Structure formats: structure tokens, C-alpha cells
Amino acid sequence: MKQLYIIGNGFDIHHDIPSRYSNYLDWLEENDAELIERLRNFYDVDDKEWWNQFEMELGYPNMAEYIDEIAFENQPDFGSDDFHDSDYHAGQFAAEDEIGSLVADIKGTFTNWVESLPAPNSDKRIVLDKDESFFINFNYTDTLQKLYNVKSTDILFIHGNVSYGTDLVIGHNRQYEELENEFAPELPEPPDDLSAEDLAEWYDENGNSGEDYIHQTVRDEVVAQIHRLKKDTAKIIKENKRFFNALKDVQTIYVYGLSFSPVDLPYLDEVLNIINGATTKWVVSFYSDMDKVTASSYFRQNGIKDTLVDYVKLDDMLLVKQAKIPFIE
């Protein structure tokens, strides 16, 4: 393996596939507007920027009011003849049902949307050297196979592929502990003038913030469900460790259409850990000047010299240049 291609969503967009997250929103508006309403209960989905950062934003729901509401609605009636021990978990079950189904519907509709995407525009093909090359494909589509005749055995579908019936991987990059800390109740601050003995007594009385067991179980379930939306990059890298280790002899890496999103940077970090960073050359596509700044910042932070990185625009690499005929009145 002498060459590695890292293919991101900008590659499909270049081929006129409407695969932006904003296109997913358009699809939802036509096919499942109810899901948008359910998302609106927990996320700021009316902000267009939210959809641009869709995967990242999935890790930042506003759940505090929901947790209090579900816990209040499911407080057991201990004095009732119908009380059962399972009533202690009624709030947890309610959160599991509602947030769990939300998570499942996000994943399900996302897959349905990807399945509906059109074929790539063949007029937008660029030069790809398939000899002694391998591909890490962040996209879920078949553009490489259908338009460029790349064998599927030469492609690592890092997040799944819609044609192979695998689960498509989407999600945020927040750890379980981060979510747990964010959703935790705010503890009161002790007075400044307490002695050590009085401070210990104060914490005995106030340290748990008065949160009851029902609140705790609801909160824990919400954290668990939102964590299901995490993109487990560490697990994916571990499962494909043999592939990553085989990159040590790569001489040139082409990065086409990758946004350098923080969610996906662990994969690039792993590539950098394997290759010879002092000699490996990079060819990186960019769409806007900001894309170029983001990419160059990443390389500099990781000690890659500017002289090893070339920047290109995919539109400048078309196999067939279209004739430009001036408009004549």
C-alpha cells in the first residue's frame, strides 16, 4: 500500500449528491416532520448552524427540565394498595421509552435518508490512482464503487455502507462521564465560616442536594440513552487496528472532502501515529478558505511541515473539462 485516500462528505457533495446535514433536515420535513418536533423539545434545531454541526450537537441536549418533569410525574404512591417495587423505576422506564425511541428514530430516519440519495454525477469525476492504493471512506454511499470502480475490498467503510446492510454510524464525541457531570444536580456551596466539624455536618445534611431516588434513576437513564448517540471512534479504531498498522509504508495521503470535524479527528490521529510524519506527503482538498485554515491548523498542531501538504480544489481536478460557451443574446 503506497497511497491512502481518505474520503469525506465533501467528495459526495462535489459529485452533486445532496448529502449535507441540512439536506437531511429537508428530507425530514417531507417525510417525518414529527421527529423534528420531538428534537425541538431537547435541542435548538431551529438554528441553522445546529444542523451544520448535527453530529456534535447530538451530545448537547437540554434535559434538566425533562428529568424533573418525568421524575415528578412518576413518583410512586407508597400508600396505595397497588404499590409494587417496580414503581420505583416507573420514571426510568418512561425515560427509556421516550428518549430511547428518539435515539432509534434518529438513526432509522438517517439511514432511510441516505438510502434515498441519488447517484453521483459522472461529469464530476476526478483523477484517482487506484494502483497500490487503499481508501478510508467516511461516506455511506457507493460513489467509489459505482463511479470509480474501486473494489469494495480496497475500501474501509469506517462508518458503514448503505448497500451492505450494516448499521450506519453517526453521533457525537462526548464521553459518558461528561454527560453524567452535565446532567448532575448542582450541589449547594457551604458557608465560608464553618469549622471542619461543622463543615462535615453541613455536608451530611446538604451534600446530596436533596435529590431522590426517582430523579437519580431518570437522570441515569437519560445519560445512558444520549450516550448511545456517541460515535465510538476508539472501538472502531480497535476493530480495524490491523488495517491502520498496515499504513506504515504509505508515501502519499489524499484527503478529499473531509471537514476535519472534531468528531472524526481520532481517525486522523491514528493515521499520524502509524505513518512516517517526516516524509509522508499529503494532498488535501478544500472548498472554502476556512476549510484550508482548519486543515492547516490541524497539521501544524501535529508537527506536519507545511512543505509536505498541498491543497487542491476538487473542481480543478475534473477528468473532463466542460466546454464554456458564452451566452449570446
C-alpha atoms as a PDB file:
ATOM      1  CA  MET A   1       0.000   0.000   0.000  1.00  0.00           C
ATOM      2  CA  LYS A   2       1.734   3.167  -1.210  1.00  0.00           C
ATOM      3  CA  GLN A   3      -1.197   5.566  -1.340  1.00  0.00           C
ATOM      4  CA  LEU A   4      -4.094   6.200   1.019  1.00  0.00           C
ATOM      5  CA  TYR A   5      -7.256   8.063   0.107  1.00  0.00           C
ATOM      6  CA  ILE A   6      -9.362   9.487   2.941  1.00  0.00           C
ATOM      7  CA  ILE A   7     -12.784  10.322   1.531  1.00  0.00           C
ATOM      8  CA  GLY A   8     -15.227  12.639   3.327  1.00  0.00           C
ATOM      9  CA  ASN A   9     -18.681  14.024   2.653  1.00  0.00           C
ATOM     10  CA  GLY A  10     -17.351  16.887   0.536  1.00  0.00           C
ATOM     11  CA  PHE A  11     -16.402  14.257  -2.042  1.00  0.00           C
ATOM     12  CA  ASP A  12     -20.048  13.231  -2.480  1.00  0.00           C
ATOM     13  CA  ILE A  13     -21.163  16.857  -2.445  1.00  0.00           C
ATOM     14  CA  HIS A  14     -18.669  17.557  -5.227  1.00  0.00           C
ATOM     15  CA  HIS A  15     -20.446  14.843  -7.247  1.00  0.00           C
ATOM     16  CA  ASP A  16     -23.767  16.677  -6.780  1.00  0.00           C
ATOM     17  CA  ILE A  17     -25.098  14.323  -4.119  1.00  0.00           C
ATOM     18  CA  PRO A  18     -27.211  16.372  -1.651  1.00  0.00           C
ATOM     19  CA  SER A  19     -25.623  14.758   1.402  1.00  0.00           C
ATOM     20  CA  ARG A  20     -25.277  17.716   3.760  1.00  0.00           C
ATOM     21  CA  TYR A  21     -26.967  17.507   7.153  1.00  0.00           C
ATOM     22  CA  SER A  22     -29.189  20.368   6.008  1.00  0.00           C
ATOM     23  CA  ASN A  23     -30.401  18.011   3.260  1.00  0.00           C
ATOM     24  CA  TYR A  24     -31.294  15.504   5.967  1.00  0.00           C
ATOM     25  CA  LEU A  25     -33.424  18.249   7.557  1.00  0.00           C
ATOM     26  CA  ASP A  26     -35.147  18.858   4.202  1.00  0.00           C
ATOM     27  CA  TRP A  27     -35.856  15.121   3.960  1.00  0.00           C
ATOM     28  CA  LEU A  28     -37.299  15.062   7.482  1.00  0.00           C
ATOM     29  CA  GLU A  29     -39.577  17.998   6.724  1.00  0.00           C
ATOM     30  CA  GLU A  30     -41.112  15.982   3.912  1.00  0.00           C
ATOM     31  CA  ASN A  31     -41.053  12.514   5.454  1.00  0.00           C
ATOM     32  CA  ASP A  32     -41.056  12.796   9.263  1.00  0.00           C
ATOM     33  CA  ALA A  33     -41.855  16.309  10.461  1.00  0.00           C
ATOM     34  CA  GLU A  34     -42.939  14.828  13.792  1.00  0.00           C
ATOM     35  CA  LEU A  35     -39.347  13.848  14.541  1.00  0.00           C
ATOM     36  CA  ILE A  36     -38.268  17.472  14.108  1.00  0.00           C
ATOM     37  CA  GLU A  37     -40.863  18.452  16.722  1.00  0.00           C
ATOM     38  CA  ARG A  38     -39.557  15.809  19.107  1.00  0.00           C
ATOM     39  CA  LEU A  39     -35.996  17.015  18.557  1.00  0.00           C
ATOM     40  CA  ARG A  40     -37.150  20.572  19.213  1.00  0.00           C
ATOM     41  CA  ASN A  41     -38.108  19.535  22.756  1.00  0.00           C
ATOM     42  CA  PHE A  42     -34.455  18.889  23.601  1.00  0.00           C
ATOM     43  CA  TYR A  43     -32.315  20.686  21.005  1.00  0.00           C
ATOM     44  CA  ASP A  44     -32.069  24.093  19.354  1.00  0.00           C
ATOM     45  CA  VAL A  45     -32.952  22.663  15.948  1.00  0.00           C
ATOM     46  CA  ASP A  46     -34.368  25.964  14.675  1.00  0.00           C
ATOM     47  CA  ASP A  47     -30.818  27.312  14.489  1.00  0.00           C
ATOM     48  CA  LYS A  48     -29.452  26.546  11.003  1.00  0.00           C
ATOM     49  CA  GLU A  49     -25.961  26.252  12.459  1.00  0.00           C
ATOM     50  CA  TRP A  50     -27.248  23.378  14.627  1.00  0.00           C
ATOM     51  CA  TRP A  51     -27.794  21.273  11.521  1.00  0.00           C
ATOM     52  CA  ASN A  52     -24.365  22.167  10.144  1.00  0.00           C
ATOM     53  CA  GLN A  53     -22.902  20.645  13.321  1.00  0.00           C
ATOM     54  CA  PHE A  54     -25.556  17.921  13.586  1.00  0.00           C
ATOM     55  CA  GLU A  55     -23.382  15.111  14.947  1.00  0.00           C
ATOM     56  CA  MET A  56     -21.620  17.310  17.506  1.00  0.00           C
ATOM     57  CA  GLU A  57     -24.895  18.876  18.645  1.00  0.00           C
ATOM     58  CA  LEU A  58     -26.462  15.492  19.390  1.00  0.00           C
ATOM     59  CA  GLY A  59     -24.276  15.425  22.514  1.00  0.00           C
ATOM     60  CA  TYR A  60     -25.665  18.683  23.910  1.00  0.00           C
ATOM     61  CA  PRO A  61     -29.370  18.228  24.684  1.00  0.00           C
ATOM     62  CA  ASN A  62     -31.206  20.313  27.256  1.00  0.00           C
ATOM     63  CA  MET A  63     -32.624  17.646  29.578  1.00  0.00           C
ATOM     64  CA  ALA A  64     -32.810  19.292  33.023  1.00  0.00           C
ATOM     65  CA  GLU A  65     -36.484  20.264  32.801  1.00  0.00           C
ATOM     66  CA  TYR A  66     -37.399  16.911  31.252  1.00  0.00           C
ATOM     67  CA  ILE A  67     -35.715  14.969  34.069  1.00  0.00           C
ATOM     68  CA  ASP A  68     -37.587  16.948  36.731  1.00  0.00           C
ATOM     69  CA  GLU A  69     -40.885  16.564  34.879  1.00  0.00           C
ATOM     70  CA  ILE A  70     -40.620  12.800  34.352  1.00  0.00           C
ATOM     71  CA  ALA A  71     -39.475  12.243  37.944  1.00  0.00           C
ATOM     72  CA  PHE A  72     -42.409  14.287  39.279  1.00  0.00           C
ATOM     73  CA  GLU A  73     -44.964  12.507  37.084  1.00  0.00           C
ATOM     74  CA  ASN A  74     -43.734   9.086  38.174  1.00  0.00           C
ATOM     75  CA  GLN A  75     -43.428   9.472  41.923  1.00  0.00           C
ATOM     76  CA  PRO A  76     -44.772   6.237  43.490  1.00  0.00           C
ATOM     77  CA  ASP A  77     -47.837   6.301  45.700  1.00  0.00           C
ATOM     78  CA  PHE A  78     -46.367   4.434  48.640  1.00  0.00           C
ATOM     79  CA  GLY A  79     -49.696   4.383  50.476  1.00  0.00           C
ATOM     80  CA  SER A  80     -51.571   2.698  47.654  1.00  0.00           C
ATOM     81  CA  ASP A  81     -52.623  -0.945  47.912  1.00  0.00           C
ATOM     82  CA  ASP A  82     -51.460  -1.279  44.290  1.00  0.00           C
ATOM     83  CA  PHE A  83     -47.878  -0.172  45.047  1.00  0.00           C
ATOM     84  CA  HIS A  84     -45.174  -2.523  43.739  1.00  0.00           C
ATOM     85  CA  ASP A  85     -41.395  -2.361  43.949  1.00  0.00           C
ATOM     86  CA  SER A  86     -41.280  -1.854  40.186  1.00  0.00           C
ATOM     87  CA  ASP A  87     -42.967   1.530  40.725  1.00  0.00           C
ATOM     88  CA  TYR A  88     -39.601   2.803  41.909  1.00  0.00           C
ATOM     89  CA  HIS A  89     -38.445   2.509  38.284  1.00  0.00           C
ATOM     90  CA  ALA A  90     -41.509   3.949  36.541  1.00  0.00           C
ATOM     91  CA  GLY A  91     -39.667   7.202  35.753  1.00  0.00           C
ATOM     92  CA  GLN A  92     -36.665   5.300  34.447  1.00  0.00           C
ATOM     93  CA  PHE A  93     -38.883   3.183  32.191  1.00  0.00           C
ATOM     94  CA  ALA A  94     -40.640   6.305  30.895  1.00  0.00           C
ATOM     95  CA  ALA A  95     -37.318   7.975  30.019  1.00  0.00           C
ATOM     96  CA  GLU A  96     -36.046   4.771  28.418  1.00  0.00           C
ATOM     97  CA  ASP A  97     -39.146   4.574  26.252  1.00  0.00           C
ATOM     98  CA  GLU A  98     -39.224   8.235  25.150  1.00  0.00           C
ATOM     99  CA  ILE A  99     -35.535   9.072  24.781  1.00  0.00           C
ATOM    100  CA  GLY A 100     -34.704   5.560  23.596  1.00  0.00           C
ATOM    101  CA  SER A 101     -37.267   5.769  20.814  1.00  0.00           C
ATOM    102  CA  LEU A 102     -35.958   9.229  19.885  1.00  0.00           C
ATOM    103  CA  VAL A 103     -32.435   7.829  19.520  1.00  0.00           C
ATOM    104  CA  ALA A 104     -33.701   4.889  17.467  1.00  0.00           C
ATOM    105  CA  ASP A 105     -35.731   7.156  15.182  1.00  0.00           C
ATOM    106  CA  ILE A 106     -32.776   9.475  14.573  1.00  0.00           C
ATOM    107  CA  LYS A 107     -30.683   6.514  13.470  1.00  0.00           C
ATOM    108  CA  GLY A 108     -33.517   4.956  11.471  1.00  0.00           C
ATOM    109  CA  THR A 109     -34.512   8.080   9.554  1.00  0.00           C
ATOM    110  CA  PHE A 110     -30.874   8.929   8.894  1.00  0.00           C
ATOM    111  CA  THR A 111     -30.426   5.539   7.236  1.00  0.00           C
ATOM    112  CA  ASN A 112     -33.632   5.973   5.220  1.00  0.00           C
ATOM    113  CA  TRP A 113     -32.425   9.386   4.046  1.00  0.00           C
ATOM    114  CA  VAL A 114     -29.047   8.012   2.934  1.00  0.00           C
ATOM    115  CA  GLU A 115     -30.826   5.244   1.024  1.00  0.00           C
ATOM    116  CA  SER A 116     -32.801   7.904  -0.854  1.00  0.00           C
ATOM    117  CA  LEU A 117     -29.749   9.847  -2.071  1.00  0.00           C
ATOM    118  CA  PRO A 118     -29.312   9.988  -5.864  1.00  0.00           C
ATOM    119  CA  ALA A 119     -26.410   8.560  -7.854  1.00  0.00           C
ATOM    120  CA  PRO A 120     -23.293  10.693  -8.289  1.00  0.00           C
ATOM    121  CA  ASN A 121     -22.862  12.957 -11.286  1.00  0.00           C
ATOM    122  CA  SER A 122     -20.393  11.191 -13.604  1.00  0.00           C
ATOM    123  CA  ASP A 123     -19.390  14.501 -15.190  1.00  0.00           C
ATOM    124  CA  LYS A 124     -17.722  15.454 -11.914  1.00  0.00           C
ATOM    125  CA  ARG A 125     -15.239  12.577 -11.850  1.00  0.00           C
ATOM    126  CA  ILE A 126     -11.695  13.432 -10.856  1.00  0.00           C
ATOM    127  CA  VAL A 127      -8.371  11.634 -11.228  1.00  0.00           C
ATOM    128  CA  LEU A 128      -7.940   8.767  -8.755  1.00  0.00           C
ATOM    129  CA  ASP A 129      -4.938   6.464  -8.843  1.00  0.00           C
ATOM    130  CA  LYS A 130      -6.238   3.062  -7.703  1.00  0.00           C
ATOM    131  CA  ASP A 131      -2.945   1.178  -8.077  1.00  0.00           C
ATOM    132  CA  GLU A 132      -1.346   0.258  -4.750  1.00  0.00           C
ATOM    133  CA  SER A 133      -3.999   2.386  -3.050  1.00  0.00           C
ATOM    134  CA  PHE A 134      -6.458   1.901  -0.235  1.00  0.00           C
ATOM    135  CA  PHE A 135      -9.428   4.004   0.816  1.00  0.00           C
ATOM    136  CA  ILE A 136     -10.863   5.074   4.150  1.00  0.00           C
ATOM    137  CA  ASN A 137     -14.387   6.083   3.242  1.00  0.00           C
ATOM    138  CA  PHE A 138     -16.298   8.235   5.737  1.00  0.00           C
ATOM    139  CA  ASN A 139     -19.300   8.286   3.406  1.00  0.00           C
ATOM    140  CA  TYR A 140     -22.160   5.811   3.472  1.00  0.00           C
ATOM    141  CA  THR A 141     -22.686   5.822  -0.295  1.00  0.00           C
ATOM    142  CA  ASP A 142     -21.329   3.793  -3.227  1.00  0.00           C
ATOM    143  CA  THR A 143     -19.686   6.633  -5.148  1.00  0.00           C
ATOM    144  CA  LEU A 144     -16.245   4.999  -5.105  1.00  0.00           C
ATOM    145  CA  GLN A 145     -17.532   1.616  -6.259  1.00  0.00           C
ATOM    146  CA  LYS A 146     -20.051   2.763  -8.861  1.00  0.00           C
ATOM    147  CA  LEU A 147     -18.330   5.792 -10.362  1.00  0.00           C
ATOM    148  CA  TYR A 148     -14.659   4.898  -9.935  1.00  0.00           C
ATOM    149  CA  ASN A 149     -14.854   1.082  -9.987  1.00  0.00           C
ATOM    150  CA  VAL A 150     -12.912   0.811  -6.753  1.00  0.00           C
ATOM    151  CA  LYS A 151     -13.194  -2.702  -5.368  1.00  0.00           C
ATOM    152  CA  SER A 152     -15.038  -2.888  -2.060  1.00  0.00           C
ATOM    153  CA  THR A 153     -12.171  -4.966  -0.680  1.00  0.00           C
ATOM    154  CA  ASP A 154      -9.942  -1.899  -1.084  1.00  0.00           C
ATOM    155  CA  ILE A 155     -12.267   0.292   0.979  1.00  0.00           C
ATOM    156  CA  LEU A 156     -12.605   0.586   4.730  1.00  0.00           C
ATOM    157  CA  PHE A 157     -16.166   1.798   5.279  1.00  0.00           C
ATOM    158  CA  ILE A 158     -15.295   3.407   8.582  1.00  0.00           C
ATOM    159  CA  HIS A 159     -18.923   4.306   9.388  1.00  0.00           C
ATOM    160  CA  GLY A 160     -20.764   1.633   7.423  1.00  0.00           C
ATOM    161  CA  ASN A 161     -22.143   1.426   3.913  1.00  0.00           C
ATOM    162  CA  VAL A 162     -25.786   1.627   2.936  1.00  0.00           C
ATOM    163  CA  SER A 163     -25.508  -1.151   0.334  1.00  0.00           C
ATOM    164  CA  TYR A 164     -24.129  -3.758   2.729  1.00  0.00           C
ATOM    165  CA  GLY A 165     -26.886  -3.656   5.322  1.00  0.00           C
ATOM    166  CA  THR A 166     -24.553  -2.502   8.094  1.00  0.00           C
ATOM    167  CA  ASP A 167     -25.640  -0.081  10.787  1.00  0.00           C
ATOM    168  CA  LEU A 168     -24.629   3.439   9.825  1.00  0.00           C
ATOM    169  CA  VAL A 169     -22.504   5.120  12.469  1.00  0.00           C
ATOM    170  CA  ILE A 170     -23.430   8.680  13.414  1.00  0.00           C
ATOM    171  CA  GLY A 171     -23.061  10.573  16.642  1.00  0.00           C
ATOM    172  CA  HIS A 172     -21.272  12.983  18.951  1.00  0.00           C
ATOM    173  CA  ASN A 173     -17.900  12.562  20.649  1.00  0.00           C
ATOM    174  CA  ARG A 174     -18.786  13.176  24.303  1.00  0.00           C
ATOM    175  CA  GLN A 175     -17.752  10.654  26.948  1.00  0.00           C
ATOM    176  CA  TYR A 176     -20.234   9.097  29.378  1.00  0.00           C
ATOM    177  CA  GLU A 177     -18.624  10.949  32.284  1.00  0.00           C
ATOM    178  CA  GLU A 178     -19.065  14.295  30.515  1.00  0.00           C
ATOM    179  CA  LEU A 179     -22.780  13.708  30.062  1.00  0.00           C
ATOM    180  CA  GLU A 180     -23.112  12.416  33.611  1.00  0.00           C
ATOM    181  CA  ASN A 181     -21.454  15.537  35.024  1.00  0.00           C
ATOM    182  CA  GLU A 182     -23.506  17.863  32.844  1.00  0.00           C
ATOM    183  CA  PHE A 183     -26.820  16.331  33.900  1.00  0.00           C
ATOM    184  CA  ALA A 184     -25.841  16.030  37.573  1.00  0.00           C
ATOM    185  CA  PRO A 185     -27.746  18.239  40.050  1.00  0.00           C
ATOM    186  CA  GLU A 186     -25.963  21.409  41.087  1.00  0.00           C
ATOM    187  CA  LEU A 187     -24.665  20.957  44.617  1.00  0.00           C
ATOM    188  CA  PRO A 188     -25.036  23.839  47.097  1.00  0.00           C
ATOM    189  CA  GLU A 189     -21.939  25.693  48.270  1.00  0.00           C
ATOM    190  CA  PRO A 190     -21.202  25.606  52.049  1.00  0.00           C
ATOM    191  CA  PRO A 191     -20.777  28.860  54.001  1.00  0.00           C
ATOM    192  CA  ASP A 192     -17.199  30.116  54.205  1.00  0.00           C
ATOM    193  CA  ASP A 193     -17.028  30.459  58.005  1.00  0.00           C
ATOM    194  CA  LEU A 194     -17.711  26.843  59.047  1.00  0.00           C
ATOM    195  CA  SER A 195     -15.261  24.867  61.169  1.00  0.00           C
ATOM    196  CA  ALA A 196     -14.091  21.454  59.997  1.00  0.00           C
ATOM    197  CA  GLU A 197     -16.597  19.758  62.302  1.00  0.00           C
ATOM    198  CA  ASP A 198     -19.458  21.997  61.221  1.00  0.00           C
ATOM    199  CA  LEU A 199     -18.466  21.550  57.568  1.00  0.00           C
ATOM    200  CA  ALA A 200     -18.713  17.769  57.857  1.00  0.00           C
ATOM    201  CA  GLU A 201     -22.145  18.111  59.456  1.00  0.00           C
ATOM    202  CA  TRP A 202     -23.238  20.552  56.758  1.00  0.00           C
ATOM    203  CA  TYR A 203     -22.278  18.109  54.003  1.00  0.00           C
ATOM    204  CA  ASP A 204     -24.154  15.304  55.766  1.00  0.00           C
ATOM    205  CA  GLU A 205     -27.280  17.441  55.650  1.00  0.00           C
ATOM    206  CA  ASN A 206     -26.888  19.197  52.268  1.00  0.00           C
ATOM    207  CA  GLY A 207     -24.317  17.320  50.213  1.00  0.00           C
ATOM    208  CA  ASN A 208     -26.786  15.231  48.217  1.00  0.00           C
ATOM    209  CA  SER A 209     -28.821  18.309  47.173  1.00  0.00           C
ATOM    210  CA  GLY A 210     -31.987  16.513  48.234  1.00  0.00           C
ATOM    211  CA  GLU A 211     -32.301  14.533  45.000  1.00  0.00           C
ATOM    212  CA  ASP A 212     -34.486  11.485  45.464  1.00  0.00           C
ATOM    213  CA  TYR A 213     -34.048   8.015  44.025  1.00  0.00           C
ATOM    214  CA  ILE A 214     -36.614   8.602  41.268  1.00  0.00           C
ATOM    215  CA  HIS A 215     -34.684  11.616  39.979  1.00  0.00           C
ATOM    216  CA  GLN A 216     -31.449   9.623  40.063  1.00  0.00           C
ATOM    217  CA  THR A 217     -32.838   6.735  38.015  1.00  0.00           C
ATOM    218  CA  VAL A 218     -34.407   9.075  35.443  1.00  0.00           C
ATOM    219  CA  ARG A 219     -31.178  11.043  35.151  1.00  0.00           C
ATOM    220  CA  ASP A 220     -29.074   7.888  34.764  1.00  0.00           C
ATOM    221  CA  GLU A 221     -31.363   6.591  32.015  1.00  0.00           C
ATOM    222  CA  VAL A 222     -31.226   9.876  30.093  1.00  0.00           C
ATOM    223  CA  VAL A 223     -27.422   9.825  30.239  1.00  0.00           C
ATOM    224  CA  ALA A 224     -27.358   6.219  29.026  1.00  0.00           C
ATOM    225  CA  GLN A 225     -29.644   6.952  26.066  1.00  0.00           C
ATOM    226  CA  ILE A 226     -27.801  10.083  24.918  1.00  0.00           C
ATOM    227  CA  HIS A 227     -24.558   8.144  25.229  1.00  0.00           C
ATOM    228  CA  ARG A 228     -25.984   5.659  22.696  1.00  0.00           C
ATOM    229  CA  LEU A 229     -25.660   8.504  20.177  1.00  0.00           C
ATOM    230  CA  LYS A 230     -21.899   8.620  20.709  1.00  0.00           C
ATOM    231  CA  LYS A 231     -19.659   7.740  17.788  1.00  0.00           C
ATOM    232  CA  ASP A 232     -17.335   5.233  19.427  1.00  0.00           C
ATOM    233  CA  THR A 233     -14.183   6.051  17.470  1.00  0.00           C
ATOM    234  CA  ALA A 234     -11.919   4.188  19.923  1.00  0.00           C
ATOM    235  CA  LYS A 235     -13.863   0.968  19.378  1.00  0.00           C
ATOM    236  CA  ILE A 236     -13.871   1.401  15.597  1.00  0.00           C
ATOM    237  CA  ILE A 237     -10.110   2.012  15.550  1.00  0.00           C
ATOM    238  CA  LYS A 238      -9.522  -1.040  17.738  1.00  0.00           C
ATOM    239  CA  GLU A 239     -11.658  -3.233  15.471  1.00  0.00           C
ATOM    240  CA  ASN A 240      -9.634  -2.052  12.452  1.00  0.00           C
ATOM    241  CA  LYS A 241      -6.223  -1.965  14.128  1.00  0.00           C
ATOM    242  CA  ARG A 242      -4.761  -4.379  11.589  1.00  0.00           C
ATOM    243  CA  PHE A 243      -5.656  -2.004   8.767  1.00  0.00           C
ATOM    244  CA  PHE A 244      -4.238   1.067  10.495  1.00  0.00           C
ATOM    245  CA  ASN A 245      -0.995  -0.743  11.298  1.00  0.00           C
ATOM    246  CA  ALA A 246      -0.596  -1.514   7.595  1.00  0.00           C
ATOM    247  CA  LEU A 247      -0.282   2.201   6.811  1.00  0.00           C
ATOM    248  CA  LYS A 248       3.357   2.442   7.909  1.00  0.00           C
ATOM    249  CA  ASP A 249       4.680   2.323   4.330  1.00  0.00           C
ATOM    250  CA  VAL A 250       2.222   4.820   2.842  1.00  0.00           C
ATOM    251  CA  GLN A 251       4.020   7.532   0.900  1.00  0.00           C
ATOM    252  CA  THR A 252       1.149   9.834  -0.079  1.00  0.00           C
ATOM    253  CA  ILE A 253      -2.210  10.501   1.569  1.00  0.00           C
ATOM    254  CA  TYR A 254      -5.028  12.165  -0.344  1.00  0.00           C
ATOM    255  CA  VAL A 255      -7.726  13.735   1.828  1.00  0.00           C
ATOM    256  CA  TYR A 256     -10.728  14.585  -0.310  1.00  0.00           C
ATOM    257  CA  GLY A 257     -13.846  16.194   1.102  1.00  0.00           C
ATOM    258  CA  LEU A 258     -13.093  15.767   4.812  1.00  0.00           C
ATOM    259  CA  SER A 259     -14.231  18.574   7.106  1.00  0.00           C
ATOM    260  CA  PHE A 260     -11.733  17.882   9.919  1.00  0.00           C
ATOM    261  CA  SER A 261     -14.629  17.772  12.368  1.00  0.00           C
ATOM    262  CA  PRO A 262     -13.564  17.079  15.979  1.00  0.00           C
ATOM    263  CA  VAL A 263     -15.841  14.014  15.941  1.00  0.00           C
ATOM    264  CA  ASP A 264     -13.669  12.331  13.286  1.00  0.00           C
ATOM    265  CA  LEU A 265     -10.206  13.598  14.208  1.00  0.00           C
ATOM    266  CA  PRO A 266      -9.330  10.467  16.257  1.00  0.00           C
ATOM    267  CA  TYR A 267      -9.068   8.543  12.976  1.00  0.00           C
ATOM    268  CA  LEU A 268      -6.616  11.060  11.561  1.00  0.00           C
ATOM    269  CA  ASP A 269      -4.706  10.986  14.852  1.00  0.00           C
ATOM    270  CA  GLU A 270      -4.379   7.214  14.484  1.00  0.00           C
ATOM    271  CA  VAL A 271      -3.090   7.579  10.918  1.00  0.00           C
ATOM    272  CA  LEU A 272      -0.490  10.071  12.132  1.00  0.00           C
ATOM    273  CA  ASN A 273       0.597   7.648  14.846  1.00  0.00           C
ATOM    274  CA  ILE A 274       1.410   4.991  12.213  1.00  0.00           C
ATOM    275  CA  ILE A 275       2.893   6.815   9.231  1.00  0.00           C
ATOM    276  CA  ASN A 276       6.282   8.491   8.927  1.00  0.00           C
ATOM    277  CA  GLY A 277       5.232  12.073   9.590  1.00  0.00           C
ATOM    278  CA  ALA A 278       8.569  13.462   8.429  1.00  0.00           C
ATOM    279  CA  THR A 279       8.309  12.116   4.874  1.00  0.00           C
ATOM    280  CA  THR A 280       4.685  11.257   4.045  1.00  0.00           C
ATOM    281  CA  LYS A 281       3.149  13.722   1.611  1.00  0.00           C
ATOM    282  CA  TRP A 282      -0.417  14.994   1.860  1.00  0.00           C
ATOM    283  CA  VAL A 283      -2.792  16.297  -0.792  1.00  0.00           C
ATOM    284  CA  VAL A 284      -5.835  17.901   0.837  1.00  0.00           C
ATOM    285  CA  SER A 285      -8.916  19.276  -0.885  1.00  0.00           C
ATOM    286  CA  PHE A 286     -10.666  22.396   0.333  1.00  0.00           C
ATOM    287  CA  TYR A 287     -13.859  24.195  -0.666  1.00  0.00           C
ATOM    288  CA  SER A 288     -13.538  27.481   1.223  1.00  0.00           C
ATOM    289  CA  ASP A 289     -10.609  29.399   2.666  1.00  0.00           C
ATOM    290  CA  MET A 290     -11.859  28.449   6.129  1.00  0.00           C
ATOM    291  CA  ASP A 291     -11.591  24.761   5.199  1.00  0.00           C
ATOM    292  CA  LYS A 292      -7.955  25.337   4.303  1.00  0.00           C
ATOM    293  CA  VAL A 293      -7.287  27.160   7.578  1.00  0.00           C
ATOM    294  CA  THR A 294      -8.888  24.343   9.587  1.00  0.00           C
ATOM    295  CA  ALA A 295      -6.840  21.653   7.847  1.00  0.00           C
ATOM    296  CA  SER A 296      -3.532  23.533   8.015  1.00  0.00           C
ATOM    297  CA  SER A 297      -4.086  24.251  11.704  1.00  0.00           C
ATOM    298  CA  TYR A 298      -4.539  20.542  12.388  1.00  0.00           C
ATOM    299  CA  PHE A 299      -1.353  19.594  10.566  1.00  0.00           C
ATOM    300  CA  ARG A 300       0.713  22.272  12.275  1.00  0.00           C
ATOM    301  CA  GLN A 301      -0.557  21.250  15.694  1.00  0.00           C
ATOM    302  CA  ASN A 302       0.606  17.720  14.923  1.00  0.00           C
ATOM    303  CA  GLY A 303       4.049  18.678  13.685  1.00  0.00           C
ATOM    304  CA  ILE A 304       3.483  18.152   9.959  1.00  0.00           C
ATOM    305  CA  LYS A 305       5.565  20.607   7.943  1.00  0.00           C
ATOM    306  CA  ASP A 306       3.743  22.916   5.534  1.00  0.00           C
ATOM    307  CA  THR A 307       6.050  21.751   2.730  1.00  0.00           C
ATOM    308  CA  LEU A 308       4.563  18.243   2.981  1.00  0.00           C
ATOM    309  CA  VAL A 309       0.957  19.404   2.399  1.00  0.00           C
ATOM    310  CA  ASP A 310      -0.527  20.560  -0.908  1.00  0.00           C
ATOM    311  CA  TYR A 311      -4.028  21.999  -1.124  1.00  0.00           C
ATOM    312  CA  VAL A 312      -6.320  21.492  -4.123  1.00  0.00           C
ATOM    313  CA  LYS A 313      -9.893  22.091  -5.168  1.00  0.00           C
ATOM    314  CA  LEU A 314     -11.805  19.095  -6.494  1.00  0.00           C
ATOM    315  CA  ASP A 315     -13.379  21.206  -9.256  1.00  0.00           C
ATOM    316  CA  ASP A 316      -9.886  21.848 -10.594  1.00  0.00           C
ATOM    317  CA  MET A 317      -9.258  18.104 -10.982  1.00  0.00           C
ATOM    318  CA  LEU A 318     -12.100  17.102 -13.304  1.00  0.00           C
ATOM    319  CA  LEU A 319     -11.285  14.365 -15.796  1.00  0.00           C
ATOM    320  CA  VAL A 320     -13.325  16.126 -18.479  1.00  0.00           C
ATOM    321  CA  LYS A 321     -13.473  19.897 -18.552  1.00  0.00           C
ATOM    322  CA  GLN A 322     -16.888  21.075 -19.706  1.00  0.00           C
ATOM    323  CA  ALA A 323     -16.950  23.450 -22.671  1.00  0.00           C
ATOM    324  CA  LYS A 324     -17.615  27.004 -21.640  1.00  0.00           C
ATOM    325  CA  ILE A 325     -19.933  28.532 -24.213  1.00  0.00           C
ATOM    326  CA  PRO A 326     -20.577  32.265 -23.714  1.00  0.00           C
ATOM    327  CA  PHE A 327     -24.177  33.379 -23.618  1.00  0.00           C
ATOM    328  CA  ILE A 328     -25.191  35.210 -26.785  1.00  0.00           C
ATOM    329  CA  GLU A 329     -28.331  37.278 -26.921  1.00  0.00           C
END
